[in-house]
Amino acid sequence: MKYKHWDEYSDAKRWNIAKTESQLETNNATTKEDLTNIIKFLVDIASEWQVEDFEYDWEVERCE
């Protein structure tokens, strides 16, 4: 794992890691667990109104 102490990192550090990983050309050195932690963090910090908007948009796309 690249980020062994993920649970101890501040949200600011987690955000920076997510941003850095998203800009990498490949994620070969990043484990599945690292990527899963990053995704869970991003989903958890998404604001409620953003989630509502995404779910509405998804419902509209499904009906088209």
N, C-alpha and C. Protein backbone atom coordinates (compact mmCIF):
# COMPACT_ATOMS: atom_id res chain seq x y z
N MET A 1 0.83 -1.19 0.00
CA MET A 1 0.00 0.00 0.00
C MET A 1 0.88 1.25 0.00
N LYS A 2 0.49 2.21 -0.80
CA LYS A 2 1.19 3.49 -0.81
C LYS A 2 0.81 4.35 0.40
N TYR A 3 -0.41 4.21 0.84
CA TYR A 3 -0.95 5.07 1.89
C TYR A 3 -1.32 4.23 3.10
N LYS A 4 -0.30 3.71 3.79
CA LYS A 4 -0.48 2.79 4.91
C LYS A 4 -1.26 3.41 6.07
N HIS A 5 -1.13 4.70 6.24
CA HIS A 5 -1.75 5.37 7.38
C HIS A 5 -2.95 6.22 6.97
N TRP A 6 -3.70 5.73 5.99
CA TRP A 6 -4.84 6.46 5.43
C TRP A 6 -5.79 6.95 6.51
N ASP A 7 -6.10 6.10 7.48
CA ASP A 7 -7.06 6.46 8.53
C ASP A 7 -6.56 7.60 9.43
N GLU A 8 -5.27 7.82 9.45
CA GLU A 8 -4.70 8.86 10.30
C GLU A 8 -4.54 10.20 9.56
N TYR A 9 -4.71 10.21 8.25
CA TYR A 9 -4.52 11.43 7.46
C TYR A 9 -5.69 12.39 7.67
N SER A 10 -5.39 13.67 7.57
CA SER A 10 -6.45 14.69 7.61
C SER A 10 -7.22 14.65 6.29
N ASP A 11 -8.40 15.24 6.30
CA ASP A 11 -9.18 15.31 5.06
C ASP A 11 -8.44 16.09 3.98
N ALA A 12 -7.70 17.12 4.40
CA ALA A 12 -6.94 17.91 3.43
C ALA A 12 -5.87 17.06 2.75
N LYS A 13 -5.19 16.22 3.53
CA LYS A 13 -4.17 15.35 2.95
C LYS A 13 -4.82 14.30 2.05
N ARG A 14 -5.95 13.75 2.47
CA ARG A 14 -6.67 12.77 1.64
C ARG A 14 -7.10 13.40 0.32
N TRP A 15 -7.58 14.65 0.38
CA TRP A 15 -7.99 15.34 -0.83
C TRP A 15 -6.80 15.52 -1.78
N ASN A 16 -5.67 15.90 -1.22
CA ASN A 16 -4.47 16.09 -2.02
C ASN A 16 -4.03 14.78 -2.67
N ILE A 17 -4.12 13.68 -1.94
CA ILE A 17 -3.78 12.37 -2.49
C ILE A 17 -4.72 12.02 -3.64
N ALA A 18 -6.03 12.23 -3.43
CA ALA A 18 -7.01 11.93 -4.48
C ALA A 18 -6.72 12.74 -5.73
N LYS A 19 -6.41 14.02 -5.54
CA LYS A 19 -6.11 14.90 -6.67
C LYS A 19 -4.86 14.44 -7.39
N THR A 20 -3.83 14.10 -6.64
CA THR A 20 -2.57 13.64 -7.23
C THR A 20 -2.77 12.34 -8.00
N GLU A 21 -3.48 11.39 -7.40
CA GLU A 21 -3.72 10.11 -8.07
C GLU A 21 -4.52 10.29 -9.35
N SER A 22 -5.46 11.22 -9.34
CA SER A 22 -6.28 11.44 -10.54
C SER A 22 -5.47 12.01 -11.70
N GLN A 23 -4.35 12.64 -11.38
CA GLN A 23 -3.52 13.27 -12.42
C GLN A 23 -2.41 12.36 -12.92
N LEU A 24 -2.23 11.21 -12.29
CA LEU A 24 -1.19 10.28 -12.73
C LEU A 24 -1.57 9.64 -14.05
N GLU A 25 -0.60 9.38 -14.86
CA GLU A 25 -0.86 8.72 -16.15
C GLU A 25 -1.25 7.26 -15.94
N THR A 26 -0.61 6.61 -14.98
CA THR A 26 -0.99 5.24 -14.61
C THR A 26 -1.04 5.13 -13.10
N ASN A 27 -1.79 4.18 -12.61
CA ASN A 27 -1.90 3.95 -11.17
C ASN A 27 -1.32 2.59 -10.83
N ASN A 28 -0.30 2.17 -11.53
CA ASN A 28 0.26 0.84 -11.33
C ASN A 28 0.77 0.61 -9.91
N ALA A 29 1.31 1.63 -9.27
CA ALA A 29 1.87 1.46 -7.93
C ALA A 29 0.82 1.61 -6.84
N THR A 30 -0.41 1.95 -7.23
CA THR A 30 -1.48 2.16 -6.27
C THR A 30 -2.27 0.87 -6.13
N THR A 31 -2.43 0.41 -4.91
CA THR A 31 -3.15 -0.84 -4.70
C THR A 31 -4.65 -0.63 -4.83
N LYS A 32 -5.34 -1.72 -4.98
CA LYS A 32 -6.80 -1.69 -5.05
C LYS A 32 -7.37 -1.10 -3.75
N GLU A 33 -6.77 -1.46 -2.63
CA GLU A 33 -7.24 -0.93 -1.34
C GLU A 33 -7.05 0.59 -1.27
N ASP A 34 -5.92 1.08 -1.77
CA ASP A 34 -5.70 2.53 -1.81
C ASP A 34 -6.78 3.22 -2.64
N LEU A 35 -7.01 2.70 -3.82
CA LEU A 35 -8.02 3.32 -4.70
C LEU A 35 -9.42 3.23 -4.10
N THR A 36 -9.72 2.13 -3.45
CA THR A 36 -11.02 1.99 -2.79
C THR A 36 -11.17 3.02 -1.67
N ASN A 37 -10.12 3.22 -0.89
CA ASN A 37 -10.16 4.23 0.17
C ASN A 37 -10.37 5.63 -0.39
N ILE A 38 -9.72 5.93 -1.50
CA ILE A 38 -9.86 7.23 -2.13
C ILE A 38 -11.29 7.43 -2.61
N ILE A 39 -11.85 6.43 -3.26
CA ILE A 39 -13.23 6.54 -3.77
C ILE A 39 -14.21 6.71 -2.62
N LYS A 40 -14.06 5.91 -1.57
CA LYS A 40 -14.96 6.03 -0.41
C LYS A 40 -14.88 7.43 0.20
N PHE A 41 -13.67 7.97 0.31
CA PHE A 41 -13.49 9.31 0.86
C PHE A 41 -14.22 10.34 0.00
N LEU A 42 -14.05 10.27 -1.31
CA LEU A 42 -14.68 11.24 -2.20
C LEU A 42 -16.19 11.16 -2.15
N VAL A 43 -16.72 9.94 -2.06
CA VAL A 43 -18.17 9.78 -1.94
C VAL A 43 -18.67 10.34 -0.61
N ASP A 44 -17.93 10.10 0.44
CA ASP A 44 -18.33 10.58 1.77
C ASP A 44 -18.33 12.10 1.87
N ILE A 45 -17.42 12.77 1.17
CA ILE A 45 -17.36 14.23 1.30
C ILE A 45 -18.27 14.95 0.32
N ALA A 46 -18.86 14.22 -0.61
CA ALA A 46 -19.78 14.86 -1.57
C ALA A 46 -20.95 15.45 -0.79
N SER A 47 -21.28 16.68 -1.08
CA SER A 47 -22.37 17.32 -0.35
C SER A 47 -23.70 16.70 -0.75
N GLU A 48 -24.65 16.82 0.14
CA GLU A 48 -25.97 16.22 -0.08
C GLU A 48 -26.64 16.74 -1.34
N TRP A 49 -26.53 18.04 -1.60
CA TRP A 49 -27.17 18.59 -2.79
C TRP A 49 -26.52 18.07 -4.07
N GLN A 50 -25.20 17.82 -4.04
CA GLN A 50 -24.55 17.26 -5.22
C GLN A 50 -25.07 15.86 -5.49
N VAL A 51 -25.20 15.08 -4.45
CA VAL A 51 -25.68 13.71 -4.59
C VAL A 51 -27.11 13.71 -5.13
N GLU A 52 -27.95 14.59 -4.61
CA GLU A 52 -29.32 14.69 -5.10
C GLU A 52 -29.35 15.04 -6.58
N ASP A 53 -28.50 15.99 -6.99
CA ASP A 53 -28.42 16.38 -8.40
C ASP A 53 -27.96 15.21 -9.27
N PHE A 54 -26.96 14.49 -8.81
CA PHE A 54 -26.46 13.34 -9.58
C PHE A 54 -27.52 12.26 -9.71
N GLU A 55 -28.22 11.99 -8.61
CA GLU A 55 -29.26 10.96 -8.66
C GLU A 55 -30.40 11.37 -9.58
N TYR A 56 -30.77 12.66 -9.57
CA TYR A 56 -31.80 13.15 -10.47
C TYR A 56 -31.34 13.00 -11.92
N ASP A 57 -30.11 13.42 -12.21
CA ASP A 57 -29.58 13.30 -13.57
C ASP A 57 -29.54 11.84 -14.02
N TRP A 58 -29.16 10.95 -13.12
CA TRP A 58 -29.11 9.53 -13.45
C TRP A 58 -30.51 9.02 -13.78
N GLU A 59 -31.51 9.44 -13.03
CA GLU A 59 -32.88 9.03 -13.27
C GLU A 59 -33.35 9.53 -14.64
N VAL A 60 -33.01 10.75 -14.98
CA VAL A 60 -33.38 11.33 -16.28
C VAL A 60 -32.71 10.54 -17.40
N GLU A 61 -31.43 10.23 -17.25
CA GLU A 61 -30.71 9.47 -18.29
C GLU A 61 -31.31 8.07 -18.48
N ARG A 62 -31.72 7.45 -17.39
CA ARG A 62 -32.31 6.10 -17.49
C ARG A 62 -33.62 6.12 -18.24
N CYS A 63 -34.36 7.22 -18.13
CA CYS A 63 -35.67 7.29 -18.77
C CYS A 63 -35.61 7.68 -20.25
N GLU A 64 -34.46 8.12 -20.70
CA GLU A 64 -34.33 8.54 -22.10
C GLU A 64 -34.25 7.37 -23.04
